[in-house]
Amino acid sequence: GDYKVLVVHGHTFCVYRGVERLKQYALQNHIDIVMFGHTHKPYIEIDEDVTVLNPGSVSYPRQSDHMPTFLIMEIDDEGEAHYGHGYYKSKFSELKI
């Protein structure tokens, strides 16, 4: 599509301290969407200039509820991106989106 996307682990941008360094890098390099990991915590921030996403973790979630998460990104027929987290209640239960 029309998006420039960066996928990084996140540790080199010190994402445990926040996503500001990652956002600045994206803005300086004209990147529209940044996907990162490392924290194992689900995160979505959609700004006018850059979108920052973290799927969280299916196997080792670290947010307070410890619910396994993943990220779904879709591009619709008009070329617009949409994002959402999917959750597992447990590794043996049904998928919840």
Protein backbone atom coordinates (compact mmCIF):
# COMPACT_ATOMS: atom_id res chain seq x y z
CA GLY A 1 0.00 0.00 0.00
CA ASP A 2 0.95 3.58 0.58
CA TYR A 3 2.54 2.97 3.99
CA LYS A 4 6.20 2.91 4.87
CA VAL A 5 6.56 0.42 7.74
CA LEU A 6 9.41 -0.27 10.14
CA VAL A 7 9.52 -3.47 12.21
CA VAL A 8 12.08 -3.53 15.05
CA HIS A 9 12.65 -5.49 18.21
CA GLY A 10 12.71 -2.21 20.16
CA HIS A 11 15.60 -2.67 22.58
CA THR A 12 17.93 -0.32 20.65
CA PHE A 13 15.31 2.43 21.06
CA CYS A 14 14.98 1.86 24.85
CA VAL A 15 11.24 1.21 24.52
CA TYR A 16 10.99 0.21 28.19
CA ARG A 17 11.41 3.93 28.92
CA GLY A 18 8.78 4.93 26.35
CA VAL A 19 8.37 5.21 22.59
CA GLU A 20 9.56 8.79 22.04
CA ARG A 21 12.95 7.79 20.55
CA LEU A 22 11.22 5.33 18.27
CA LYS A 23 8.68 7.93 17.17
CA GLN A 24 11.39 10.51 16.49
CA TYR A 25 13.30 8.01 14.36
CA ALA A 26 10.14 7.22 12.41
CA LEU A 27 9.36 10.89 11.83
CA GLN A 28 12.94 11.66 10.72
CA ASN A 29 12.80 8.78 8.22
CA HIS A 30 9.26 9.40 6.94
CA ILE A 31 7.98 6.11 8.37
CA ASP A 32 4.20 5.84 8.78
CA ILE A 33 3.88 2.74 10.95
CA VAL A 34 6.34 1.32 13.49
CA MET A 35 5.89 -2.15 14.96
CA PHE A 36 8.08 -3.08 17.91
CA GLY A 37 8.42 -5.79 20.51
CA HIS A 38 10.77 -6.28 23.47
CA THR A 39 8.34 -5.14 26.19
CA HIS A 40 5.85 -8.01 25.66
CA LYS A 41 3.07 -5.46 26.38
CA PRO A 42 0.30 -4.61 23.89
CA TYR A 43 0.44 -1.02 22.68
CA ILE A 44 -1.30 1.06 20.03
CA GLU A 45 -0.71 4.77 19.53
CA ILE A 46 -2.17 6.34 16.42
CA ASP A 47 -1.03 9.89 15.75
CA GLU A 48 -1.50 12.05 12.70
CA ASP A 49 2.14 11.54 11.65
CA VAL A 50 3.09 8.06 12.88
CA THR A 51 1.41 4.95 14.28
CA VAL A 52 3.29 2.90 16.90
CA LEU A 53 2.26 -0.71 17.54
CA ASN A 54 3.32 -3.56 19.80
CA PRO A 55 1.51 -6.91 19.56
CA GLY A 56 2.28 -7.84 23.15
CA SER A 57 3.05 -11.54 23.55
CA VAL A 58 1.17 -14.78 23.13
CA SER A 59 3.74 -16.82 25.05
CA TYR A 60 5.11 -14.42 27.70
CA PRO A 61 2.78 -11.44 28.29
CA ARG A 62 4.08 -8.86 30.77
CA GLN A 63 1.18 -6.44 31.19
CA SER A 64 -0.66 -6.45 34.54
CA ASP A 65 -3.38 -8.96 33.54
CA HIS A 66 -0.87 -11.28 31.79
CA MET A 67 -3.42 -12.02 29.05
CA PRO A 68 -1.73 -13.38 25.90
CA THR A 69 -2.11 -10.90 23.03
CA PHE A 70 -1.32 -10.47 19.35
CA LEU A 71 -1.91 -7.71 16.82
CA ILE A 72 -4.09 -7.70 13.73
CA MET A 73 -3.42 -5.13 11.02
CA GLU A 74 -5.68 -4.93 7.98
CA ILE A 75 -5.64 -2.73 4.92
CA ASP A 76 -9.20 -2.07 3.73
CA ASP A 77 -10.40 -1.71 0.13
CA GLU A 78 -9.66 2.04 0.23
CA GLY A 79 -6.06 1.40 1.33
CA GLU A 80 -6.58 2.54 4.93
CA ALA A 81 -4.86 0.63 7.74
CA HIS A 82 -6.81 -0.61 10.78
CA TYR A 83 -5.34 -2.16 13.93
CA GLY A 84 -6.55 -4.15 16.90
CA HIS A 85 -5.30 -6.55 19.54
CA GLY A 86 -6.53 -10.09 19.76
CA TYR A 87 -6.61 -11.83 23.13
CA TYR A 88 -6.51 -15.42 24.34
CA LYS A 89 -8.30 -16.14 27.62
CA SER A 90 -6.03 -19.13 28.00
CA LYS A 91 -3.96 -21.19 25.64
CA PHE A 92 -6.80 -23.74 25.43
CA SER A 93 -9.77 -21.38 25.06
CA GLU A 94 -11.34 -19.78 22.01
CA LEU A 95 -9.80 -16.80 20.31
CA LYS A 96 -11.31 -13.44 21.28
CA ILE A 97 -10.95 -10.51 18.86
